[in-house]
Amino acid sequence: MDDGNPPYKVVNDEKKQWKKYEQPDGIPMVFALKASNKETRNSDMINHFMKIFNKIDVGLLVQPHEGIKHIEKKRRKKFSDDESEEQVIAEIPYIHTTNMCEEIMNLRYKQRGNDTMVERVSRRIQKDKYSALLYGLYWIHLEERKLKVRGKKKFNINNAQSCVTSISL
């Protein structure tokens, strides 16, 4: 089925388990994570996520009304009534961030032995944005670890930029 997107390939398929699904013109862009895999255990991803947020290594956008103030300050003029559509479009990333924060606040973290799990308090609130951020941050962590093993001192965020920007919040 043609959904308007090009075909993609898995970039971390050392065991060639996804090879049968690949298209010859596929773009190597998908990073496969398995909760049961030794390198990508769900518990490790959750613990890494909590560590990142505890250390405040991730900055989030402000509330939508604060974001609009920043944008108007940068533009050096307020949005007029004629520009209401532009204002709504400018607010979208801030609204997505607010929604993601609501998703995170709806999660209950549970520790069972060495395993950490999350469960939703309210089933009405999804956790898609949280999951996208969880996987994206863990992918960056794995890339940083790989580069340290190779002897490189610093992780170049530009190498990861194409993948990080494709994480849909």
N, C-alpha and C. Protein backbone atom coordinates (compact mmCIF):
# COMPACT_ATOMS: atom_id res chain seq x y z
N MET A 1 0.84 -1.17 0.00
CA MET A 1 0.00 0.00 0.00
C MET A 1 0.89 1.24 0.00
N ASP A 2 0.59 2.20 -0.83
CA ASP A 2 1.38 3.42 -0.93
C ASP A 2 0.79 4.47 -0.01
N ASP A 3 1.52 4.77 1.06
CA ASP A 3 1.04 5.78 2.02
C ASP A 3 1.76 7.12 1.82
N GLY A 4 2.53 7.25 0.76
CA GLY A 4 3.24 8.49 0.49
C GLY A 4 4.63 8.54 1.09
N ASN A 5 4.99 7.57 1.92
CA ASN A 5 6.32 7.53 2.52
C ASN A 5 7.19 6.54 1.76
N PRO A 6 8.50 6.81 1.69
CA PRO A 6 9.40 5.85 1.04
C PRO A 6 9.58 4.62 1.93
N PRO A 7 10.05 3.51 1.37
CA PRO A 7 10.32 2.33 2.21
C PRO A 7 11.56 2.57 3.07
N TYR A 8 11.57 2.01 4.27
CA TYR A 8 12.68 2.17 5.19
C TYR A 8 13.33 0.82 5.48
N LYS A 9 14.60 0.86 5.92
CA LYS A 9 15.33 -0.33 6.34
C LYS A 9 15.74 -0.17 7.80
N VAL A 10 15.94 -1.30 8.45
CA VAL A 10 16.42 -1.31 9.83
C VAL A 10 17.94 -1.14 9.81
N VAL A 11 18.46 -0.22 10.63
CA VAL A 11 19.90 0.06 10.63
C VAL A 11 20.70 -0.84 11.55
N ASN A 12 20.08 -1.46 12.53
CA ASN A 12 20.81 -2.29 13.49
C ASN A 12 20.39 -3.76 13.37
N ASP A 13 20.43 -4.27 12.17
CA ASP A 13 19.97 -5.64 11.90
C ASP A 13 21.15 -6.57 11.69
N GLU A 14 21.97 -6.75 12.74
CA GLU A 14 23.16 -7.60 12.63
C GLU A 14 22.80 -9.05 12.35
N LYS A 15 21.68 -9.52 12.91
CA LYS A 15 21.26 -10.92 12.73
C LYS A 15 20.45 -11.12 11.45
N LYS A 16 20.22 -10.07 10.70
CA LYS A 16 19.49 -10.10 9.42
C LYS A 16 18.07 -10.64 9.57
N GLN A 17 17.44 -10.41 10.72
CA GLN A 17 16.08 -10.89 10.92
C GLN A 17 15.04 -10.04 10.22
N TRP A 18 15.38 -8.80 9.84
CA TRP A 18 14.44 -7.92 9.16
C TRP A 18 14.70 -7.88 7.65
N LYS A 19 15.72 -8.59 7.20
CA LYS A 19 16.14 -8.59 5.79
C LYS A 19 14.99 -8.96 4.85
N LYS A 20 14.16 -9.91 5.25
CA LYS A 20 13.08 -10.39 4.37
C LYS A 20 12.03 -9.31 4.10
N TYR A 21 11.98 -8.28 4.95
CA TYR A 21 10.99 -7.21 4.77
C TYR A 21 11.56 -6.01 4.00
N GLU A 22 12.86 -6.01 3.73
CA GLU A 22 13.50 -4.86 3.11
C GLU A 22 13.14 -4.72 1.63
N GLN A 23 13.00 -3.49 1.23
CA GLN A 23 12.85 -3.15 -0.19
C GLN A 23 14.23 -2.72 -0.70
N PRO A 24 14.55 -3.00 -1.96
CA PRO A 24 15.87 -2.63 -2.47
C PRO A 24 16.15 -1.12 -2.39
N ASP A 25 15.11 -0.31 -2.50
CA ASP A 25 15.31 1.15 -2.47
C ASP A 25 15.02 1.74 -1.09
N GLY A 26 15.00 0.87 -0.05
CA GLY A 26 14.69 1.32 1.30
C GLY A 26 15.77 2.23 1.88
N ILE A 27 15.35 3.18 2.67
CA ILE A 27 16.26 4.12 3.31
C ILE A 27 16.60 3.58 4.69
N PRO A 28 17.91 3.39 5.01
CA PRO A 28 18.29 2.87 6.33
C PRO A 28 18.06 3.93 7.40
N MET A 29 16.92 3.83 8.08
CA MET A 29 16.53 4.89 8.99
C MET A 29 15.86 4.39 10.27
N VAL A 30 15.41 3.17 10.30
CA VAL A 30 14.67 2.66 11.44
C VAL A 30 15.63 1.94 12.38
N PHE A 31 15.55 2.28 13.66
CA PHE A 31 16.36 1.62 14.68
C PHE A 31 15.42 0.70 15.45
N ALA A 32 15.62 -0.61 15.32
CA ALA A 32 14.73 -1.58 15.95
C ALA A 32 15.12 -1.78 17.41
N LEU A 33 14.15 -1.64 18.27
CA LEU A 33 14.35 -1.88 19.70
C LEU A 33 13.44 -3.02 20.12
N LYS A 34 14.00 -3.95 20.87
CA LYS A 34 13.22 -5.07 21.40
C LYS A 34 13.35 -5.05 22.91
N ALA A 35 12.23 -5.11 23.59
CA ALA A 35 12.25 -5.07 25.05
C ALA A 35 12.96 -6.28 25.65
N SER A 36 13.02 -7.38 24.92
CA SER A 36 13.65 -8.59 25.46
C SER A 36 15.11 -8.72 25.04
N ASN A 37 15.58 -7.84 24.18
CA ASN A 37 16.95 -7.89 23.71
C ASN A 37 17.90 -7.46 24.82
N LYS A 38 19.08 -8.07 24.88
CA LYS A 38 20.03 -7.77 25.94
C LYS A 38 20.44 -6.29 25.92
N GLU A 39 20.67 -5.74 24.74
CA GLU A 39 21.14 -4.36 24.62
C GLU A 39 20.02 -3.34 24.77
N THR A 40 18.79 -3.74 24.51
CA THR A 40 17.69 -2.77 24.52
C THR A 40 16.54 -3.24 25.40
N ARG A 41 16.85 -3.63 26.62
CA ARG A 41 15.79 -4.05 27.55
C ARG A 41 14.94 -2.85 27.93
N ASN A 42 13.66 -3.06 28.02
CA ASN A 42 12.72 -1.99 28.37
C ASN A 42 13.08 -1.37 29.71
N SER A 43 13.45 -2.19 30.68
CA SER A 43 13.82 -1.70 32.00
C SER A 43 15.02 -0.75 31.93
N ASP A 44 16.01 -1.09 31.11
CA ASP A 44 17.18 -0.22 30.95
C ASP A 44 16.79 1.11 30.31
N MET A 45 15.88 1.06 29.34
CA MET A 45 15.44 2.29 28.69
C MET A 45 14.72 3.20 29.69
N ILE A 46 13.87 2.62 30.52
CA ILE A 46 13.14 3.41 31.51
C ILE A 46 14.10 4.00 32.54
N ASN A 47 15.05 3.19 33.03
CA ASN A 47 16.03 3.69 34.00
C ASN A 47 16.87 4.82 33.40
N HIS A 48 17.26 4.67 32.14
CA HIS A 48 18.03 5.73 31.47
C HIS A 48 17.19 7.00 31.35
N PHE A 49 15.93 6.85 30.98
CA PHE A 49 15.02 7.99 30.86
C PHE A 49 14.92 8.73 32.19
N MET A 50 14.73 7.99 33.28
CA MET A 50 14.60 8.62 34.60
C MET A 50 15.90 9.30 35.00
N LYS A 51 17.04 8.69 34.67
CA LYS A 51 18.33 9.29 35.00
C LYS A 51 18.52 10.60 34.25
N ILE A 52 18.18 10.61 32.98
CA ILE A 52 18.31 11.82 32.15
C ILE A 52 17.46 12.95 32.73
N PHE A 53 16.23 12.65 33.10
CA PHE A 53 15.35 13.68 33.63
C PHE A 53 15.75 14.11 35.04
N ASN A 54 16.26 13.19 35.86
CA ASN A 54 16.73 13.56 37.19
C ASN A 54 17.92 14.50 37.12
N LYS A 55 18.81 14.28 36.15
CA LYS A 55 19.99 15.14 35.99
C LYS A 55 19.66 16.40 35.20
N ILE A 56 18.43 16.51 34.72
CA ILE A 56 17.97 17.64 33.90
C ILE A 56 18.88 17.80 32.67
N ASP A 57 19.17 16.68 32.01
CA ASP A 57 19.96 16.68 30.79
C ASP A 57 19.11 16.95 29.55
N VAL A 58 17.82 17.06 29.73
CA VAL A 58 16.91 17.32 28.61
C VAL A 58 16.11 18.57 28.93
N GLY A 59 16.06 19.47 27.97
CA GLY A 59 15.25 20.66 28.14
C GLY A 59 13.95 20.51 27.39
N LEU A 60 12.87 20.93 27.99
CA LEU A 60 11.57 20.85 27.34
C LEU A 60 11.08 22.26 27.02
N LEU A 61 10.20 22.34 26.07
CA LEU A 61 9.61 23.63 25.74
C LEU A 61 8.71 24.10 26.87
N VAL A 62 8.49 25.40 26.92
CA VAL A 62 7.63 25.99 27.94
C VAL A 62 6.16 25.83 27.56
N GLN A 63 5.27 26.32 28.40
CA GLN A 63 3.83 26.28 28.13
C GLN A 63 3.52 27.09 26.86
N PRO A 64 2.44 26.76 26.14
CA PRO A 64 2.12 27.45 24.88
C PRO A 64 2.06 28.98 24.99
N HIS A 65 1.45 29.52 26.04
CA HIS A 65 1.35 30.98 26.14
C HIS A 65 2.73 31.61 26.34
N GLU A 66 3.62 30.93 27.06
CA GLU A 66 5.00 31.42 27.23
C GLU A 66 5.76 31.34 25.91
N GLY A 67 5.53 30.24 25.18
CA GLY A 67 6.19 30.06 23.88
C GLY A 67 5.80 31.15 22.90
N ILE A 68 4.53 31.50 22.88
CA ILE A 68 4.06 32.56 21.98
C ILE A 68 4.70 33.89 22.36
N LYS A 69 4.87 34.14 23.66
CA LYS A 69 5.55 35.37 24.10
C LYS A 69 6.98 35.41 23.56
N HIS A 70 7.68 34.25 23.64
CA HIS A 70 9.05 34.17 23.11
C HIS A 70 9.08 34.43 21.61
N ILE A 71 8.13 33.82 20.91
CA ILE A 71 8.08 33.99 19.45
C ILE A 71 7.78 35.45 19.10
N GLU A 72 6.84 36.05 19.80
CA GLU A 72 6.50 37.45 19.52
C GLU A 72 7.68 38.37 19.85
N LYS A 73 8.41 38.04 20.88
CA LYS A 73 9.59 38.84 21.22
C LYS A 73 10.64 38.74 20.12
N LYS A 74 10.83 37.53 19.60
CA LYS A 74 11.78 37.30 18.52
C LYS A 74 11.36 38.03 17.24
N ARG A 75 10.06 38.01 16.96
CA ARG A 75 9.52 38.67 15.77
C ARG A 75 9.49 40.18 15.93
N ARG A 76 9.54 40.62 17.20
CA ARG A 76 9.44 42.03 17.56
C ARG A 76 8.07 42.62 17.27
N LYS A 77 7.06 41.75 17.24
CA LYS A 77 5.68 42.22 17.13
C LYS A 77 4.74 41.11 17.55
N LYS A 78 3.58 41.51 18.04
CA LYS A 78 2.57 40.55 18.49
C LYS A 78 1.81 40.01 17.28
N PHE A 79 1.23 38.82 17.45
CA PHE A 79 0.39 38.27 16.41
C PHE A 79 -0.89 39.11 16.32
N SER A 80 -1.27 39.45 15.11
CA SER A 80 -2.52 40.20 14.92
C SER A 80 -3.66 39.20 14.70
N ASP A 81 -4.89 39.72 14.67
CA ASP A 81 -6.05 38.84 14.43
C ASP A 81 -5.95 38.18 13.06
N ASP A 82 -5.35 38.86 12.09
CA ASP A 82 -5.19 38.30 10.75
C ASP A 82 -4.19 37.15 10.74
N GLU A 83 -3.33 37.08 11.74
CA GLU A 83 -2.29 36.06 11.79
C GLU A 83 -2.63 34.92 12.75
N SER A 84 -3.91 34.74 13.03
CA SER A 84 -4.31 33.72 14.01
C SER A 84 -3.90 32.32 13.57
N GLU A 85 -3.96 32.04 12.28
CA GLU A 85 -3.54 30.71 11.80
C GLU A 85 -2.04 30.51 12.02
N GLU A 86 -1.24 31.53 11.76
CA GLU A 86 0.21 31.45 12.01
C GLU A 86 0.49 31.22 13.49
N GLN A 87 -0.28 31.88 14.35
CA GLN A 87 -0.10 31.72 15.79
C GLN A 87 -0.42 30.29 16.22
N VAL A 88 -1.49 29.75 15.70
CA VAL A 88 -1.88 28.38 16.03
C VAL A 88 -0.79 27.40 15.59
N ILE A 89 -0.25 27.60 14.40
CA ILE A 89 0.81 26.74 13.89
C ILE A 89 2.06 26.87 14.77
N ALA A 90 2.36 28.09 15.21
CA ALA A 90 3.53 28.32 16.07
C ALA A 90 3.36 27.66 17.44
N GLU A 91 2.14 27.50 17.90
CA GLU A 91 1.87 26.90 19.22
C GLU A 91 1.96 25.38 19.22
N ILE A 92 1.89 24.75 18.06
CA ILE A 92 1.81 23.29 17.98
C ILE A 92 2.93 22.58 18.75
N PRO A 93 4.21 22.92 18.57
CA PRO A 93 5.25 22.21 19.33
C PRO A 93 5.09 22.35 20.84
N TYR A 94 4.64 23.51 21.28
CA TYR A 94 4.45 23.74 22.71
C TYR A 94 3.27 22.90 23.24
N ILE A 95 2.23 22.78 22.44
CA ILE A 95 1.08 21.97 22.84
C ILE A 95 1.47 20.49 22.90
N HIS A 96 2.27 20.03 21.92
CA HIS A 96 2.75 18.64 21.94
C HIS A 96 3.59 18.38 23.19
N THR A 97 4.43 19.34 23.57
CA THR A 97 5.25 19.17 24.76
C THR A 97 4.38 19.09 26.01
N THR A 98 3.37 19.96 26.08
CA THR A 98 2.44 19.92 27.21
C THR A 98 1.74 18.57 27.28
N ASN A 99 1.31 18.06 26.12
CA ASN A 99 0.65 16.74 26.08
C ASN A 99 1.60 15.64 26.53
N MET A 100 2.88 15.74 26.10
CA MET A 100 3.84 14.73 26.50
C MET A 100 4.06 14.77 28.01
N CYS A 101 4.11 15.96 28.59
CA CYS A 101 4.26 16.08 30.05
C CYS A 101 3.07 15.46 30.78
N GLU A 102 1.88 15.63 30.23
CA GLU A 102 0.69 15.00 30.81
C GLU A 102 0.81 13.48 30.75
N GLU A 103 1.33 12.97 29.63
CA GLU A 103 1.53 11.52 29.50
C GLU A 103 2.51 11.02 30.57
N ILE A 104 3.61 11.75 30.75
CA ILE A 104 4.63 11.34 31.72
C ILE A 104 4.05 11.39 33.14
N MET A 105 3.28 12.44 33.42
CA MET A 105 2.69 12.58 34.76
C MET A 105 1.64 11.49 35.02
N ASN A 106 1.11 10.90 33.98
CA ASN A 106 0.11 9.84 34.11
C ASN A 106 0.74 8.46 34.34
N LEU A 107 2.05 8.38 34.31
CA LEU A 107 2.73 7.09 34.46
C LEU A 107 3.10 6.83 35.91
N ARG A 108 2.97 5.58 36.29
CA ARG A 108 3.41 5.13 37.60
C ARG A 108 4.59 4.21 37.36
N TYR A 109 5.70 4.51 38.00
CA TYR A 109 6.91 3.71 37.86
C TYR A 109 6.90 2.63 38.94
N LYS A 110 7.14 1.39 38.52
CA LYS A 110 7.13 0.27 39.46
C LYS A 110 8.47 -0.45 39.36
N GLN A 111 9.00 -0.82 40.51
CA GLN A 111 10.23 -1.57 40.60
C GLN A 111 9.90 -2.98 41.05
N ARG A 112 10.31 -3.98 40.27
CA ARG A 112 10.15 -5.39 40.65
C ARG A 112 11.51 -6.06 40.51
N GLY A 113 12.17 -6.22 41.64
CA GLY A 113 13.53 -6.78 41.58
C GLY A 113 14.44 -5.83 40.82
N ASN A 114 15.05 -6.33 39.75
CA ASN A 114 15.93 -5.50 38.92
C ASN A 114 15.19 -4.84 37.77
N ASP A 115 13.92 -5.11 37.64
CA ASP A 115 13.15 -4.57 36.52
C ASP A 115 12.37 -3.34 36.93
N THR A 116 12.38 -2.35 36.04
CA THR A 116 11.57 -1.16 36.21
C THR A 116 10.52 -1.17 35.12
N MET A 117 9.30 -0.88 35.51
CA MET A 117 8.20 -0.86 34.54
C MET A 117 7.42 0.43 34.73
N VAL A 118 6.66 0.78 33.69
CA VAL A 118 5.73 1.90 33.82
C VAL A 118 4.34 1.40 33.48
N GLU A 119 3.38 1.97 34.16
CA GLU A 119 1.98 1.66 33.82
C GLU A 119 1.20 2.96 33.87
N ARG A 120 0.21 3.03 33.03
CA ARG A 120 -0.62 4.23 32.98
C ARG A 120 -1.61 4.23 34.15
N VAL A 121 -1.76 5.38 34.78
CA VAL A 121 -2.73 5.52 35.86
C VAL A 121 -4.13 5.58 35.25
N SER A 122 -4.30 6.44 34.27
CA SER A 122 -5.57 6.56 33.56
C SER A 122 -5.41 5.99 32.16
N ARG A 123 -6.28 5.11 31.76
CA ARG A 123 -6.22 4.50 30.42
C ARG A 123 -6.63 5.48 29.32
N ARG A 124 -7.26 6.58 29.71
CA ARG A 124 -7.68 7.58 28.71
C ARG A 124 -6.48 8.30 28.10
N ILE A 125 -5.40 8.42 28.86
CA ILE A 125 -4.23 9.15 28.38
C ILE A 125 -3.23 8.15 27.81
N GLN A 126 -2.90 8.33 26.55
CA GLN A 126 -1.94 7.44 25.89
C GLN A 126 -0.53 7.75 26.38
N LYS A 127 0.45 6.99 25.88
CA LYS A 127 1.85 7.27 26.23
C LYS A 127 2.74 7.24 24.98
N ASP A 128 2.18 7.62 23.84
CA ASP A 128 2.92 7.58 22.58
C ASP A 128 4.09 8.57 22.54
N LYS A 129 3.86 9.79 22.98
CA LYS A 129 4.91 10.81 22.95
C LYS A 129 6.02 10.45 23.94
N TYR A 130 5.62 9.96 25.10
CA TYR A 130 6.60 9.49 26.09
C TYR A 130 7.45 8.38 25.47
N SER A 131 6.81 7.41 24.82
CA SER A 131 7.54 6.29 24.23
C SER A 131 8.50 6.75 23.15
N ALA A 132 8.07 7.69 22.31
CA ALA A 132 8.94 8.21 21.27
C ALA A 132 10.18 8.87 21.88
N LEU A 133 9.98 9.65 22.93
CA LEU A 133 11.11 10.29 23.60
C LEU A 133 11.99 9.25 24.29
N LEU A 134 11.39 8.27 24.94
CA LEU A 134 12.12 7.20 25.61
C LEU A 134 13.05 6.50 24.62
N TYR A 135 12.51 6.08 23.46
CA TYR A 135 13.29 5.36 22.46
C TYR A 135 14.35 6.26 21.85
N GLY A 136 14.00 7.51 21.58
CA GLY A 136 14.97 8.44 20.98
C GLY A 136 16.15 8.70 21.90
N LEU A 137 15.88 8.94 23.17
CA LEU A 137 16.96 9.19 24.13
C LEU A 137 17.83 7.95 24.32
N TYR A 138 17.20 6.78 24.29
CA TYR A 138 17.98 5.56 24.45
C TYR A 138 18.83 5.28 23.21
N TRP A 139 18.30 5.58 22.03
CA TRP A 139 19.08 5.42 20.81
C TRP A 139 20.32 6.31 20.87
N ILE A 140 20.16 7.56 21.31
CA ILE A 140 21.30 8.47 21.44
C ILE A 140 22.30 7.91 22.44
N HIS A 141 21.81 7.37 23.55
CA HIS A 141 22.69 6.76 24.56
C HIS A 141 23.51 5.62 23.96
N LEU A 142 22.86 4.76 23.17
CA LEU A 142 23.58 3.64 22.54
C LEU A 142 24.62 4.13 21.55
N GLU A 143 24.28 5.18 20.78
CA GLU A 143 25.24 5.75 19.83
C GLU A 143 26.43 6.36 20.56
N GLU A 144 26.18 7.06 21.66
CA GLU A 144 27.27 7.62 22.46
C GLU A 144 28.18 6.52 22.99
N ARG A 145 27.58 5.44 23.46
CA ARG A 145 28.35 4.31 23.97
C ARG A 145 29.21 3.68 22.87
N LYS A 146 28.62 3.53 21.68
CA LYS A 146 29.35 2.97 20.54
C LYS A 146 30.56 3.83 20.19
N LEU A 147 30.38 5.14 20.18
CA LEU A 147 31.47 6.04 19.84
C LEU A 147 32.55 6.05 20.91
N LYS A 148 32.17 5.90 22.18
CA LYS A 148 33.17 5.82 23.26
C LYS A 148 34.02 4.58 23.08
N VAL A 149 33.40 3.46 22.70
CA VAL A 149 34.13 2.21 22.49
C VAL A 149 35.12 2.37 21.34
N ARG A 150 34.72 3.10 20.32
CA ARG A 150 35.60 3.31 19.18
C ARG A 150 36.72 4.30 19.49
N GLY A 151 36.66 4.96 20.64
CA GLY A 151 37.73 5.86 21.03
C GLY A 151 37.47 7.33 20.74
N LYS A 152 36.31 7.66 20.22
CA LYS A 152 36.01 9.06 19.96
C LYS A 152 35.62 9.71 21.28
N LYS A 153 36.06 10.94 21.48
CA LYS A 153 35.84 11.60 22.76
C LYS A 153 34.46 12.19 22.89
N LYS A 154 33.92 12.76 21.83
CA LYS A 154 32.63 13.44 21.94
C LYS A 154 31.66 12.90 20.91
N PHE A 155 30.42 12.86 21.30
CA PHE A 155 29.33 12.46 20.40
C PHE A 155 28.96 13.68 19.57
N ASN A 156 28.97 13.55 18.26
CA ASN A 156 28.59 14.65 17.39
C ASN A 156 27.10 14.57 17.13
N ILE A 157 26.36 15.50 17.70
CA ILE A 157 24.90 15.48 17.59
C ILE A 157 24.45 15.58 16.14
N ASN A 158 25.26 16.16 15.27
CA ASN A 158 24.89 16.27 13.85
C ASN A 158 24.77 14.90 13.20
N ASN A 159 25.57 13.92 13.68
CA ASN A 159 25.45 12.56 13.15
C ASN A 159 24.08 11.97 13.45
N ALA A 160 23.53 12.33 14.58
CA ALA A 160 22.26 11.77 15.02
C ALA A 160 21.08 12.64 14.64
N GLN A 161 21.35 13.82 14.11
CA GLN A 161 20.28 14.80 13.92
C GLN A 161 19.17 14.28 13.01
N SER A 162 19.50 13.60 11.92
CA SER A 162 18.46 13.14 11.00
C SER A 162 17.54 12.14 11.69
N CYS A 163 18.09 11.30 12.54
CA CYS A 163 17.24 10.32 13.22
C CYS A 163 16.45 10.96 14.34
N VAL A 164 17.07 11.88 15.06
CA VAL A 164 16.38 12.52 16.17
C VAL A 164 15.23 13.38 15.67
N THR A 165 15.44 14.06 14.54
CA THR A 165 14.36 14.90 14.03
C THR A 165 13.21 14.06 13.49
N SER A 166 13.47 12.78 13.21
CA SER A 166 12.38 11.95 12.73
C SER A 166 11.55 11.35 13.87
N ILE A 167 12.01 11.56 15.11
CA ILE A 167 11.22 11.09 16.25
C ILE A 167 10.02 12.01 16.37
N SER A 168 8.88 11.47 16.17
CA SER A 168 7.66 12.28 16.17
C SER A 168 7.09 12.39 17.55
N LEU A 169 7.05 13.60 18.06
CA LEU A 169 6.44 13.83 19.37
C LEU A 169 5.07 14.27 19.13
